[in-house]
PDB file of N, CA and C in Angstrom:
ATOM      1  N   UNK A   1     149.157 109.977 174.595  1.00  0.00           N
ATOM      2  CA  UNK A   1     150.487 109.227 174.914  1.00  0.00           C
ATOM      3  C   UNK A   1     151.606 110.006 175.230  1.00  0.00           C
ATOM      4  N   UNK A   2     151.533 111.007 174.769  1.00  0.00           N
ATOM      5  CA  UNK A   2     152.694 112.104 175.313  1.00  0.00           C
ATOM      6  C   UNK A   2     152.488 112.519 176.736  1.00  0.00           C
ATOM      7  N   UNK A   3     151.216 113.043 177.051  1.00  0.00           N
ATOM      8  CA  UNK A   3     150.521 113.201 178.426  1.00  0.00           C
ATOM      9  C   UNK A   3     150.823 112.052 179.226  1.00  0.00           C
ATOM     10  N   UNK A   4     150.533 110.814 178.851  1.00  0.00           N
ATOM     11  CA  UNK A   4     151.016 109.777 179.885  1.00  0.00           C
ATOM     12  C   UNK A   4     152.471 109.456 179.961  1.00  0.00           C
ATOM     13  N   UNK A   5     153.235 109.526 179.061  1.00  0.00           N
ATOM     14  CA  UNK A   5     154.765 109.410 179.464  1.00  0.00           C
ATOM     15  C   UNK A   5     155.042 110.612 180.307  1.00  0.00           C
ATOM     16  N   UNK A   6     154.555 111.832 180.075  1.00  0.00           N
ATOM     17  CA  UNK A   6     154.980 113.009 181.038  1.00  0.00           C
ATOM     18  C   UNK A   6     154.614 112.501 182.373  1.00  0.00           C
ATOM     19  N   UNK A   7     153.412 112.016 182.564  1.00  0.00           N
ATOM     20  CA  UNK A   7     152.986 111.730 184.200  1.00  0.00           C
ATOM     21  C   UNK A   7     153.771 110.694 184.411  1.00  0.00           C
ATOM     22  N   UNK A   8     154.172 109.717 183.791  1.00  0.00           N
ATOM     23  CA  UNK A   8     155.093 108.532 184.249  1.00  0.00           C
ATOM     24  C   UNK A   8     156.432 109.093 184.758  1.00  0.00           C
ATOM     25  N   UNK A   9     157.039 110.095 183.879  1.00  0.00           N
ATOM     26  CA  UNK A   9     158.208 110.693 184.244  1.00  0.00           C
ATOM     27  C   UNK A   9     158.347 111.398 185.384  1.00  0.00           C
ATOM     28  N   UNK A  10     157.010 112.188 185.483  1.00  0.00           N
ATOM     29  CA  UNK A  10     156.958 112.987 186.941  1.00  0.00           C
ATOM     30  C   UNK A  10     156.834 111.858 188.014  1.00  0.00           C
ATOM     31  N   UNK A  11     156.250 110.733 187.892  1.00  0.00           N
ATOM     32  CA  UNK A  11     156.036 109.905 189.030  1.00  0.00           C
ATOM     33  C   UNK A  11     157.400 109.153 189.377  1.00  0.00           C
ATOM     34  N   UNK A  12     158.266 109.015 188.501  1.00  0.00           N
ATOM     35  CA  UNK A  12     159.718 108.403 188.517  1.00  0.00           C
ATOM     36  C   UNK A  12     160.426 109.489 189.078  1.00  0.00           C
ATOM     37  N   UNK A  13     160.261 110.612 188.753  1.00  0.00           N
ATOM     38  CA  UNK A  13     161.275 111.502 189.404  1.00  0.00           C
ATOM     39  C   UNK A  13     160.922 111.804 190.777  1.00  0.00           C
ATOM     40  N   UNK A  14     159.629 111.976 191.158  1.00  0.00           N
ATOM     41  CA  UNK A  14     159.041 112.004 192.453  1.00  0.00           C
ATOM     42  C   UNK A  14     159.508 110.848 193.512  1.00  0.00           C
ATOM     43  N   UNK A  15     159.439 109.610 192.875  1.00  0.00           N
ATOM     44  CA  UNK A  15     159.908 108.364 193.636  1.00  0.00           C
ATOM     45  C   UNK A  15     161.359 108.652 193.956  1.00  0.00           C
ATOM     46  N   UNK A  16     162.213 108.977 193.015  1.00  0.00           N
ATOM     47  CA  UNK A  16     163.538 109.003 193.353  1.00  0.00           C
ATOM     48  C   UNK A  16     163.954 110.081 194.210  1.00  0.00           C
ATOM     49  N   UNK A  17     163.328 111.047 194.009  1.00  0.00           N
ATOM     50  CA  UNK A  17     163.506 112.248 195.309  1.00  0.00           C
ATOM     51  C   UNK A  17     163.169 111.906 196.480  1.00  0.00           C
ATOM     52  N   UNK A  18     162.007 111.051 196.614  1.00  0.00           N
ATOM     53  CA  UNK A  18     161.544 110.611 197.805  1.00  0.00           C
ATOM     54  C   UNK A  18     162.624 109.647 198.480  1.00  0.00           C
ATOM     55  N   UNK A  19     163.077 108.611 197.608  1.00  0.00           N
ATOM     56  CA  UNK A  19     164.019 107.574 197.840  1.00  0.00           C
ATOM     57  C   UNK A  19     165.344 108.356 198.387  1.00  0.00           C
ATOM     58  N   UNK A  20     165.939 109.298 197.916  1.00  0.00           N
ATOM     59  CA  UNK A  20     167.072 110.167 198.399  1.00  0.00           C
ATOM     60  C   UNK A  20     166.728 110.827 199.685  1.00  0.00           C
ATOM     61  N   UNK A  21     165.579 111.109 199.980  1.00  0.00           N
ATOM     62  CA  UNK A  21     165.143 111.638 201.482  1.00  0.00           C
ATOM     63  C   UNK A  21     165.553 110.425 202.466  1.00  0.00           C
ATOM     64  N   UNK A  22     165.880 109.328 202.311  1.00  0.00           N
ATOM     65  CA  UNK A  22     165.913 108.384 203.328  1.00  0.00           C
ATOM     66  C   UNK A  22     167.160 107.445 203.171  1.00  0.00           C
ATOM     67  N   UNK A  23     167.303 106.202 202.599  1.00  0.00           N
ATOM     68  CA  UNK A  23     168.190 105.342 202.605  1.00  0.00           C
ATOM     69  C   UNK A  23     168.577 104.873 201.255  1.00  0.00           C
ATOM     70  N   UNK A  24     169.708 104.755 200.609  1.00  0.00           N
ATOM     71  CA  UNK A  24     169.899 104.329 199.383  1.00  0.00           C
ATOM     72  C   UNK A  24     171.208 103.362 199.414  1.00  0.00           C
ATOM     73  N   UNK A  25     171.424 102.193 198.479  1.00  0.00           N
ATOM     74  CA  UNK A  25     172.553 101.716 198.412  1.00  0.00           C
ATOM     75  C   UNK A  25     173.710 102.888 197.977  1.00  0.00           C
ATOM     76  N   UNK A  26     174.868 102.815 198.401  1.00  0.00           N
ATOM     77  CA  UNK A  26     175.949 103.656 198.020  1.00  0.00           C
ATOM     78  C   UNK A  26     176.242 103.451 196.609  1.00  0.00           C
ATOM     79  N   UNK A  27     176.150 104.718 195.944  1.00  0.00           N
ATOM     80  CA  UNK A  27     176.583 104.936 194.533  1.00  0.00           C
ATOM     81  C   UNK A  27     177.662 106.072 194.363  1.00  0.00           C
ATOM     82  N   UNK A  28     178.914 106.010 193.983  1.00  0.00           N
ATOM     83  CA  UNK A  28     179.552 106.938 193.650  1.00  0.00           C
ATOM     84  C   UNK A  28     179.187 108.330 192.860  1.00  0.00           C
ATOM     85  N   UNK A  29     178.322 108.142 191.709  1.00  0.00           N
ATOM     86  CA  UNK A  29     177.825 109.018 191.281  1.00  0.00           C
ATOM     87  C   UNK A  29     176.513 110.130 192.117  1.00  0.00           C
ATOM     88  N   UNK A  30     175.902 109.321 192.696  1.00  0.00           N
ATOM     89  CA  UNK A  30     174.969 109.609 193.629  1.00  0.00           C
ATOM     90  C   UNK A  30     175.498 110.755 194.717  1.00  0.00           C
ATOM     91  N   UNK A  31     176.627 109.953 195.256  1.00  0.00           N
ATOM     92  CA  UNK A  31     177.433 110.639 196.564  1.00  0.00           C
ATOM     93  C   UNK A  31     178.031 111.934 195.931  1.00  0.00           C
ATOM     94  N   UNK A  32     178.776 111.755 194.953  1.00  0.00           N
ATOM     95  CA  UNK A  32     179.351 113.134 194.351  1.00  0.00           C
ATOM     96  C   UNK A  32     178.309 114.159 194.081  1.00  0.00           C
ATOM     97  N   UNK A  33     177.151 113.924 193.367  1.00  0.00           N
ATOM     98  CA  UNK A  33     176.006 114.677 193.152  1.00  0.00           C
ATOM     99  C   UNK A  33     175.711 115.464 194.508  1.00  0.00           C
ATOM    100  N   UNK A  34     175.253 114.575 195.530  1.00  0.00           N
ATOM    101  CA  UNK A  34     174.696 114.900 196.885  1.00  0.00           C
ATOM    102  C   UNK A  34     175.670 115.914 197.318  1.00  0.00           C
ATOM    103  N   UNK A  35     177.160 115.590 197.192  1.00  0.00           N
ATOM    104  CA  UNK A  35     177.972 116.655 197.842  1.00  0.00           C
ATOM    105  C   UNK A  35     178.276 117.638 197.377  1.00  0.00           C
ATOM    106  N   UNK A  36     178.186 117.772 195.930  1.00  0.00           N
ATOM    107  CA  UNK A  36     178.361 119.016 194.755  1.00  0.00           C
ATOM    108  C   UNK A  36     177.250 119.922 195.239  1.00  0.00           C
ATOM    109  N   UNK A  37     176.132 119.308 195.548  1.00  0.00           N
ATOM    110  CA  UNK A  37     175.001 120.118 195.449  1.00  0.00           C
ATOM    111  C   UNK A  37     174.864 120.750 197.232  1.00  0.00           C
ATOM    112  N   UNK A  38     175.540 120.198 198.071  1.00  0.00           N
ATOM    113  CA  UNK A  38     175.681 120.649 199.312  1.00  0.00           C
ATOM    114  C   UNK A  38     174.576 119.985 200.265  1.00  0.00           C
ATOM    115  N   UNK A  39     174.048 118.965 199.777  1.00  0.00           N
ATOM    116  CA  UNK A  39     172.935 118.373 200.561  1.00  0.00           C
ATOM    117  C   UNK A  39     173.402 117.517 201.615  1.00  0.00           C
ATOM    118  N   UNK A  40     172.770 117.616 202.921  1.00  0.00           N
ATOM    119  CA  UNK A  40     173.061 116.544 203.818  1.00  0.00           C
ATOM    120  C   UNK A  40     172.986 115.264 203.423  1.00  0.00           C
ATOM    121  N   UNK A  41     174.226 114.457 203.809  1.00  0.00           N
ATOM    122  CA  UNK A  41     174.255 112.993 203.493  1.00  0.00           C
ATOM    123  C   UNK A  41     175.138 112.238 204.601  1.00  0.00           C
ATOM    124  N   UNK A  42     174.804 111.173 204.881  1.00  0.00           N
ATOM    125  CA  UNK A  42     175.576 110.252 205.679  1.00  0.00           C
ATOM    126  C   UNK A  42     176.018 108.941 204.915  1.00  0.00           C
ATOM    127  N   UNK A  43     177.244 108.497 205.116  1.00  0.00           N
ATOM    128  CA  UNK A  43     177.682 107.322 204.306  1.00  0.00           C
ATOM    129  C   UNK A  43     177.688 106.333 205.567  1.00  0.00           C
ATOM    130  N   UNK A  44     176.852 105.209 205.526  1.00  0.00           N
ATOM    131  CA  UNK A  44     176.898 104.003 206.524  1.00  0.00           C
ATOM    132  C   UNK A  44     177.856 102.933 205.925  1.00  0.00           C
ATOM    133  N   UNK A  45     178.895 102.720 206.705  1.00  0.00           N
ATOM    134  CA  UNK A  45     179.590 101.402 206.246  1.00  0.00           C
ATOM    135  C   UNK A  45     179.038 100.112 206.964  1.00  0.00           C
ATOM    136  N   UNK A  46     178.410  99.467 206.246  1.00  0.00           N
ATOM    137  CA  UNK A  46     177.750  98.455 207.001  1.00  0.00           C
ATOM    138  C   UNK A  46     177.938  96.911 206.401  1.00  0.00           C
ATOM    139  N   UNK A  47     178.032  95.996 207.083  1.00  0.00           N
ATOM    140  CA  UNK A  47     178.417  94.632 206.863  1.00  0.00           C
ATOM    141  C   UNK A  47     177.302  93.793 207.445  1.00  0.00           C
ATOM    142  N   UNK A  48     176.742  92.947 206.403  1.00  0.00           N
ATOM    143  CA  UNK A  48     175.773  92.105 207.152  1.00  0.00           C
ATOM    144  C   UNK A  48     175.833  91.074 208.065  1.00  0.00           C
ATOM    145  N   UNK A  49     177.272  90.840 208.252  1.00  0.00           N
ATOM    146  CA  UNK A  49     177.662  89.963 209.410  1.00  0.00           C
ATOM    147  C   UNK A  49     177.920  90.540 210.614  1.00  0.00           C
ATOM    148  N   UNK A  50     178.053  91.885 210.664  1.00  0.00           N
ATOM    149  CA  UNK A  50     178.412  93.008 211.905  1.00  0.00           C
ATOM    150  C   UNK A  50     177.276  92.784 212.832  1.00  0.00           C
ATOM    151  N   UNK A  51     177.360  92.484 213.957  1.00  0.00           N
ATOM    152  CA  UNK A  51     176.071  92.611 214.790  1.00  0.00           C
ATOM    153  C   UNK A  51     175.816  94.111 215.273  1.00  0.00           C
ATOM    154  N   UNK A  52     176.962  94.795 215.401  1.00  0.00           N
ATOM    155  CA  UNK A  52     176.556  96.080 215.523  1.00  0.00           C
ATOM    156  C   UNK A  52     175.934  97.038 214.438  1.00  0.00           C
ATOM    157  N   UNK A  53     176.318  96.742 213.089  1.00  0.00           N
ATOM    158  CA  UNK A  53     175.658  97.091 212.022  1.00  0.00           C
ATOM    159  C   UNK A  53     174.316  96.803 212.152  1.00  0.00           C
ATOM    160  N   UNK A  54     173.957  95.465 212.434  1.00  0.00           N
ATOM    161  CA  UNK A  54     172.283  94.880 212.542  1.00  0.00           C
ATOM    162  C   UNK A  54     171.665  95.669 213.636  1.00  0.00           C
ATOM    163  N   UNK A  55     172.464  96.381 214.506  1.00  0.00           N
ATOM    164  CA  UNK A  55     171.652  96.920 215.805  1.00  0.00           C
ATOM    165  C   UNK A  55     171.400  98.268 215.325  1.00  0.00           C
ATOM    166  N   UNK A  56     172.261  98.780 214.610  1.00  0.00           N
ATOM    167  CA  UNK A  56     172.285 100.483 214.287  1.00  0.00           C
ATOM    168  C   UNK A  56     171.326 100.360 213.133  1.00  0.00           C
ATOM    169  N   UNK A  57     170.876  99.401 212.211  1.00  0.00           N
ATOM    170  CA  UNK A  57     169.937  99.455 210.954  1.00  0.00           C
ATOM    171  C   UNK A  57     168.612  99.915 211.477  1.00  0.00           C
ATOM    172  N   UNK A  58     167.899  99.156 212.220  1.00  0.00           N
ATOM    173  CA  UNK A  58     166.632  99.727 212.492  1.00  0.00           C
ATOM    174  C   UNK A  58     166.508 100.891 213.242  1.00  0.00           C
ATOM    175  N   UNK A  59     167.546 101.318 214.165  1.00  0.00           N
ATOM    176  CA  UNK A  59     167.574 102.791 214.833  1.00  0.00           C
ATOM    177  C   UNK A  59     167.749 103.736 213.573  1.00  0.00           C
ATOM    178  N   UNK A  60     168.537 103.540 212.874  1.00  0.00           N
ATOM    179  CA  UNK A  60     168.828 104.722 211.661  1.00  0.00           C
ATOM    180  C   UNK A  60     167.243 104.769 210.832  1.00  0.00           C
ATOM    181  N   UNK A  61     166.728 103.728 210.511  1.00  0.00           N
ATOM    182  CA  UNK A  61     165.502 103.885 209.871  1.00  0.00           C
ATOM    183  C   UNK A  61     164.479 104.541 210.695  1.00  0.00           C
ATOM    184  N   UNK A  62     164.363 104.348 211.968  1.00  0.00           N
ATOM    185  CA  UNK A  62     163.453 105.032 212.729  1.00  0.00           C
ATOM    186  C   UNK A  62     163.890 106.634 212.709  1.00  0.00           C
ATOM    187  N   UNK A  63     164.874 106.687 213.124  1.00  0.00           N
ATOM    188  CA  UNK A  63     165.295 108.274 213.011  1.00  0.00           C
ATOM    189  C   UNK A  63     165.230 108.885 212.138  1.00  0.00           C
ATOM    190  N   UNK A  64     165.540 108.393 210.761  1.00  0.00           N
ATOM    191  CA  UNK A  64     165.338 109.050 209.475  1.00  0.00           C
ATOM    192  C   UNK A  64     164.087 109.214 208.959  1.00  0.00           C
ATOM    193  N   UNK A  65     162.919 108.234 209.712  1.00  0.00           N
ATOM    194  CA  UNK A  65     161.523 108.382 209.270  1.00  0.00           C
ATOM    195  C   UNK A  65     160.982 109.719 210.139  1.00  0.00           C
ATOM    196  N   UNK A  66     161.585 110.355 211.055  1.00  0.00           N
ATOM    197  CA  UNK A  66     161.014 111.629 211.650  1.00  0.00           C
ATOM    198  C   UNK A  66     161.226 112.749 210.492  1.00  0.00           C
ATOM    199  N   UNK A  67     160.095 113.612 210.470  1.00  0.00           N
ATOM    200  CA  UNK A  67     160.063 114.545 209.376  1.00  0.00           C
ATOM    201  C   UNK A  67     161.343 115.478 209.641  1.00  0.00           C
ATOM    202  N   UNK A  68     162.247 115.626 210.761  1.00  0.00           N
ATOM    203  CA  UNK A  68     163.257 116.578 210.891  1.00  0.00           C
ATOM    204  C   UNK A  68     164.289 116.067 209.904  1.00  0.00           C
ATOM    205  N   UNK A  69     164.314 114.592 209.638  1.00  0.00           N
ATOM    206  CA  UNK A  69     165.526 114.095 208.829  1.00  0.00           C
ATOM    207  C   UNK A  69     165.025 113.909 207.495  1.00  0.00           C
ATOM    208  N   UNK A  70     163.807 114.329 206.978  1.00  0.00           N
ATOM    209  CA  UNK A  70     163.587 114.015 205.621  1.00  0.00           C
ATOM    210  C   UNK A  70     164.254 114.469 204.542  1.00  0.00           C
ATOM    211  N   UNK A  71     165.196 115.581 204.774  1.00  0.00           N
ATOM    212  CA  UNK A  71     166.166 115.965 203.740  1.00  0.00           C
ATOM    213  C   UNK A  71     167.472 115.268 203.731  1.00  0.00           C
ATOM    214  N   UNK A  72     167.537 114.319 204.609  1.00  0.00           N
ATOM    215  CA  UNK A  72     168.981 113.622 204.781  1.00  0.00           C
ATOM    216  C   UNK A  72     168.995 112.488 204.023  1.00  0.00           C
ATOM    217  N   UNK A  73     170.216 112.144 203.466  1.00  0.00           N
ATOM    218  CA  UNK A  73     170.193 110.745 202.532  1.00  0.00           C
ATOM    219  C   UNK A  73     171.279 109.990 203.054  1.00  0.00           C
ATOM    220  N   UNK A  74     171.042 108.772 203.589  1.00  0.00           N
ATOM    221  CA  UNK A  74     172.018 107.686 204.195  1.00  0.00           C
ATOM    222  C   UNK A  74     172.425 106.838 202.903  1.00  0.00           C
ATOM    223  N   UNK A  75     173.325 106.922 202.609  1.00  0.00           N
ATOM    224  CA  UNK A  75     174.118 105.753 201.551  1.00  0.00           C
ATOM    225  C   UNK A  75     174.721 104.831 202.208  1.00  0.00           C
ATOM    226  N   UNK A  76     174.094 103.534 202.107  1.00  0.00           N
ATOM    227  CA  UNK A  76     174.513 102.423 202.810  1.00  0.00           C
ATOM    228  C   UNK A  76     175.873 101.833 201.799  1.00  0.00           C
ATOM    229  N   UNK A  77     177.188 101.870 202.264  1.00  0.00           N
ATOM    230  CA  UNK A  77     178.209 101.310 201.647  1.00  0.00           C
ATOM    231  C   UNK A  77     178.482  99.766 202.118  1.00  0.00           C
ATOM    232  N   UNK A  78     179.025  99.146 201.488  1.00  0.00           N
ATOM    233  CA  UNK A  78     179.236  97.622 201.677  1.00  0.00           C
ATOM    234  C   UNK A  78     180.834  97.752 202.388  1.00  0.00           C
ATOM    235  N   UNK A  79     180.835  97.673 203.612  1.00  0.00           N
ATOM    236  CA  UNK A  79     182.143  97.473 204.040  1.00  0.00           C
ATOM    237  C   UNK A  79     183.183  96.670 203.383  1.00  0.00           C
ATOM    238  N   UNK A  80     182.657  95.502 202.941  1.00  0.00           N
ATOM    239  CA  UNK A  80     183.503  94.508 202.346  1.00  0.00           C
ATOM    240  C   UNK A  80     184.048  94.678 200.941  1.00  0.00           C
ATOM    241  N   UNK A  81     183.331  95.498 200.341  1.00  0.00           N
ATOM    242  CA  UNK A  81     183.443  95.607 198.811  1.00  0.00           C
ATOM    243  C   UNK A  81     183.890  97.121 198.343  1.00  0.00           C
ATOM    244  N   UNK A  82     183.482  98.123 199.257  1.00  0.00           N
ATOM    245  CA  UNK A  82     183.705  99.528 198.825  1.00  0.00           C
ATOM    246  C   UNK A  82     185.057 100.009 199.370  1.00  0.00           C
ATOM    247  N   UNK A  83     186.256  99.037 199.228  1.00  0.00           N
ATOM    248  CA  UNK A  83     187.480  99.467 199.711  1.00  0.00           C
ATOM    249  C   UNK A  83     188.005 100.881 199.406  1.00  0.00           C
ATOM    250  N   UNK A  84     188.031 101.209 197.979  1.00  0.00           N
ATOM    251  CA  UNK A  84     188.241 102.580 197.625  1.00  0.00           C
ATOM    252  C   UNK A  84     187.900 103.737 198.326  1.00  0.00           C
ATOM    253  N   UNK A  85     186.486 103.467 198.550  1.00  0.00           N
ATOM    254  CA  UNK A  85     185.600 104.483 199.423  1.00  0.00           C
ATOM    255  C   UNK A  85     186.136 104.404 201.016  1.00  0.00           C
ATOM    256  N   UNK A  86     186.364 103.326 201.396  1.00  0.00           N
ATOM    257  CA  UNK A  86     186.925 103.291 202.864  1.00  0.00           C
ATOM    258  C   UNK A  86     188.286 103.985 202.964  1.00  0.00           C
ATOM    259  N   UNK A  87     189.010 103.556 202.022  1.00  0.00           N
ATOM    260  CA  UNK A  87     190.370 104.445 202.010  1.00  0.00           C
ATOM    261  C   UNK A  87     190.189 105.905 201.849  1.00  0.00           C
ATOM    262  N   UNK A  88     189.321 106.223 200.747  1.00  0.00           N
ATOM    263  CA  UNK A  88     189.434 107.769 200.555  1.00  0.00           C
ATOM    264  C   UNK A  88     188.794 108.597 201.889  1.00  0.00           C
ATOM    265  N   UNK A  89     187.994 107.749 202.523  1.00  0.00           N
ATOM    266  CA  UNK A  89     187.214 108.272 203.909  1.00  0.00           C
ATOM    267  C   UNK A  89     188.118 108.100 205.306  1.00  0.00           C
ATOM    268  N   UNK A  90     189.155 107.118 205.095  1.00  0.00           N
ATOM    269  CA  UNK A  90     189.768 106.696 206.372  1.00  0.00           C
ATOM    270  C   UNK A  90     188.872 106.073 207.153  1.00  0.00           C
ATOM    271  N   UNK A  91     188.241 105.095 206.836  1.00  0.00           N
ATOM    272  CA  UNK A  91     187.598 104.116 207.569  1.00  0.00           C
ATOM    273  C   UNK A  91     188.149 103.000 207.530  1.00  0.00           C
ATOM    274  N   UNK A  92     188.406 102.555 209.019  1.00  0.00           N
ATOM    275  CA  UNK A  92     188.890 101.233 209.169  1.00  0.00           C
ATOM    276  C   UNK A  92     187.911 100.076 209.711  1.00  0.00           C
ATOM    277  N   UNK A  93     186.788 100.512 210.285  1.00  0.00           N
ATOM    278  CA  UNK A  93     185.927  99.511 210.808  1.00  0.00           C
ATOM    279  C   UNK A  93     184.579  99.645 210.293  1.00  0.00           C
ATOM    280  N   UNK A  94     183.895  98.507 210.367  1.00  0.00           N
ATOM    281  CA  UNK A  94     182.378  98.465 209.804  1.00  0.00           C
ATOM    282  C   UNK A  94     181.676  99.158 210.936  1.00  0.00           C
ATOM    283  N   UNK A  95     180.207  99.485 210.758  1.00  0.00           N
ATOM    284  CA  UNK A  95     179.412 100.316 211.641  1.00  0.00           C
ATOM    285  C   UNK A  95     179.885 101.792 212.150  1.00  0.00           C
ATOM    286  N   UNK A  96     180.811 102.219 210.777  1.00  0.00           N
ATOM    287  CA  UNK A  96     181.180 103.587 210.941  1.00  0.00           C
ATOM    288  C   UNK A  96     180.038 104.310 210.033  1.00  0.00           C
ATOM    289  N   UNK A  97     179.664 105.732 210.655  1.00  0.00           N
ATOM    290  CA  UNK A  97     178.931 106.374 209.863  1.00  0.00           C
ATOM    291  C   UNK A  97     179.633 107.872 209.784  1.00  0.00           C
ATOM    292  N   UNK A  98     179.855 108.358 208.335  1.00  0.00           N
ATOM    293  CA  UNK A  98     180.607 109.584 207.925  1.00  0.00           C
ATOM    294  C   UNK A  98     179.349 110.501 207.738  1.00  0.00           C
ATOM    295  N   UNK A  99     179.361 111.806 208.315  1.00  0.00           N
ATOM    296  CA  UNK A  99     178.364 112.614 207.986  1.00  0.00           C
ATOM    297  C   UNK A  99     178.844 113.842 207.460  1.00  0.00           C
ATOM    298  N   UNK A 100     178.073 114.386 206.134  1.00  0.00           N
ATOM    299  CA  UNK A 100     178.642 115.498 205.338  1.00  0.00           C
ATOM    300  C   UNK A 100     177.587 116.526 205.365  1.00  0.00           C
ATOM    301  N   UNK A 101     177.715 118.013 205.555  1.00  0.00           N
ATOM    302  CA  UNK A 101     177.055 118.784 205.195  1.00  0.00           C
ATOM    303  C   UNK A 101     177.777 119.952 204.596  1.00  0.00           C
ATOM    304  N   UNK A 102     177.031 120.557 203.488  1.00  0.00           N
ATOM    305  CA  UNK A 102     177.778 121.484 202.693  1.00  0.00           C
ATOM    306  C   UNK A 102     179.062 120.870 201.838  1.00  0.00           C
ATOM    307  N   UNK A 103     178.846 119.558 201.632  1.00  0.00           N
ATOM    308  CA  UNK A 103     180.067 118.957 200.903  1.00  0.00           C
ATOM    309  C   UNK A 103     181.318 118.733 201.731  1.00  0.00           C
ATOM    310  N   UNK A 104     181.269 118.778 202.918  1.00  0.00           N
ATOM    311  CA  UNK A 104     182.295 118.774 203.920  1.00  0.00           C
ATOM    312  C   UNK A 104     181.988 117.641 204.757  1.00  0.00           C
ATOM    313  N   UNK A 105     183.007 116.871 205.365  1.00  0.00           N
ATOM    314  CA  UNK A 105     182.716 116.020 206.521  1.00  0.00           C
ATOM    315  C   UNK A 105     182.540 116.822 207.643  1.00  0.00           C
ATOM    316  N   UNK A 106     181.539 116.588 208.743  1.00  0.00           N
ATOM    317  CA  UNK A 106     181.318 117.393 209.844  1.00  0.00           C
ATOM    318  C   UNK A 106     181.306 116.514 211.015  1.00  0.00           C
ATOM    319  N   UNK A 107     181.170 115.207 210.828  1.00  0.00           N
ATOM    320  CA  UNK A 107     181.168 114.183 211.943  1.00  0.00           C
ATOM    321  C   UNK A 107     181.211 112.737 211.462  1.00  0.00           C
ATOM    322  N   UNK A 108     181.527 111.991 212.609  1.00  0.00           N
ATOM    323  CA  UNK A 108     181.442 110.622 212.387  1.00  0.00           C
ATOM    324  C   UNK A 108     181.569 110.037 213.349  1.00  0.00           C
ATOM    325  N   UNK A 109     181.199 108.361 213.422  1.00  0.00           N
ATOM    326  CA  UNK A 109     180.909 107.728 214.782  1.00  0.00           C
ATOM    327  C   UNK A 109     181.204 106.315 214.205  1.00  0.00           C
ATOM    328  N   UNK A 110     181.801 105.442 215.332  1.00  0.00           N
ATOM    329  CA  UNK A 110     181.913 103.999 214.942  1.00  0.00           C
ATOM    330  C   UNK A 110     181.478 103.206 216.154  1.00  0.00           C
ATOM    331  N   UNK A 111     180.351 102.543 215.826  1.00  0.00           N
ATOM    332  CA  UNK A 111     179.695 101.394 216.959  1.00  0.00           C
ATOM    333  C   UNK A 111     178.895 101.922 217.783  1.00  0.00           C
ATOM    334  N   UNK A 112     178.095 103.038 217.483  1.00  0.00           N
ATOM    335  CA  UNK A 112     177.064 103.710 218.446  1.00  0.00           C
ATOM    336  C   UNK A 112     175.873 102.855 218.108  1.00  0.00           C
ATOM    337  N   UNK A 113     175.255 102.428 219.093  1.00  0.00           N
ATOM    338  CA  UNK A 113     173.857 101.742 219.148  1.00  0.00           C
ATOM    339  C   UNK A 113     172.919 102.340 219.884  1.00  0.00           C
ATOM    340  N   UNK A 114     173.181 103.802 220.207  1.00  0.00           N
ATOM    341  CA  UNK A 114     172.067 104.270 221.181  1.00  0.00           C
ATOM    342  C   UNK A 114     171.384 105.173 220.049  1.00  0.00           C
ATOM    343  N   UNK A 115     170.139 105.294 220.280  1.00  0.00           N
ATOM    344  CA  UNK A 115     169.177 106.127 219.425  1.00  0.00           C
ATOM    345  C   UNK A 115     169.625 107.376 219.545  1.00  0.00           C
ATOM    346  N   UNK A 116     169.824 108.134 221.049  1.00  0.00           N
ATOM    347  CA  UNK A 116     170.169 109.353 221.298  1.00  0.00           C
ATOM    348  C   UNK A 116     171.644 109.983 220.493  1.00  0.00           C
ATOM    349  N   UNK A 117     172.583 108.826 220.519  1.00  0.00           N
ATOM    350  CA  UNK A 117     173.794 109.058 220.052  1.00  0.00           C
ATOM    351  C   UNK A 117     173.669 109.276 218.404  1.00  0.00           C
ATOM    352  N   UNK A 118     173.117 108.426 217.803  1.00  0.00           N
ATOM    353  CA  UNK A 118     172.912 108.438 216.386  1.00  0.00           C
ATOM    354  C   UNK A 118     172.097 109.664 215.925  1.00  0.00           C
ATOM    355  N   UNK A 119     171.052 109.878 216.642  1.00  0.00           N
ATOM    356  CA  UNK A 119     170.405 111.268 216.327  1.00  0.00           C
ATOM    357  C   UNK A 119     171.119 112.285 216.325  1.00  0.00           C
ATOM    358  N   UNK A 120     171.728 112.686 217.519  1.00  0.00           N
ATOM    359  CA  UNK A 120     172.772 113.596 217.619  1.00  0.00           C
ATOM    360  C   UNK A 120     173.677 113.689 216.297  1.00  0.00           C
ATOM    361  N   UNK A 121     174.046 112.623 216.057  1.00  0.00           N
ATOM    362  CA  UNK A 121     175.228 112.508 214.789  1.00  0.00           C
ATOM    363  C   UNK A 121     174.604 112.987 213.527  1.00  0.00           C
ATOM    364  N   UNK A 122     173.569 112.362 213.405  1.00  0.00           N
ATOM    365  CA  UNK A 122     172.856 112.631 211.949  1.00  0.00           C
ATOM    366  C   UNK A 122     172.410 114.314 212.254  1.00  0.00           C
ATOM    367  N   UNK A 123     171.899 114.860 213.314  1.00  0.00           N
ATOM    368  CA  UNK A 123     171.491 116.115 213.313  1.00  0.00           C
ATOM    369  C   UNK A 123     172.740 117.090 212.918  1.00  0.00           C
ATOM    370  N   UNK A 124     174.004 116.687 213.048  1.00  0.00           N
ATOM    371  CA  UNK A 124     175.259 117.533 212.444  1.00  0.00           C
ATOM    372  C   UNK A 124     174.977 117.854 210.951  1.00  0.00           C
ATOM    373  N   UNK A 125     174.449 116.951 210.163  1.00  0.00           N
ATOM    374  CA  UNK A 125     174.378 117.060 208.771  1.00  0.00           C
ATOM    375  C   UNK A 125     173.414 117.937 208.361  1.00  0.00           C
ATOM    376  N   UNK A 126     172.446 118.420 209.471  1.00  0.00           N
ATOM    377  CA  UNK A 126     171.240 119.158 209.324  1.00  0.00           C
ATOM    378  C   UNK A 126     171.422 120.725 209.690  1.00  0.00           C
ATOM    379  N   UNK A 127     172.471 121.121 210.600  1.00  0.00           N
ATOM    380  CA  UNK A 127     172.700 122.151 211.198  1.00  0.00           C
ATOM    381  C   UNK A 127     173.628 123.374 210.367  1.00  0.00           C
TER     382      UNK A 127
END
């Protein structure tokens, strides 16, 4: 039984680590942990009603599926409800991505729906 529980814990830990390598809903504790650990992270201020956000979504998923971006976490923040976060990061529009490297903001973009532009933006987290 102990061996089975140990295996289950390992599976859960690996699944969590894998999820962090791509996209997850915004969580303040996760965000702070990633920043304090110096991990590459981007916050995507998304609104379901926003056509630009809907255009960005498949591009971001495609880009982050590439091996180059496996260490990057994108936290998807609800533009309408994460008002404190928006204020703290000085974000005034949906479809804004804010990129962090080594715990500091290194780039941001609003409204970009080009694969080349989003790829270049996200690379700033990895350099």
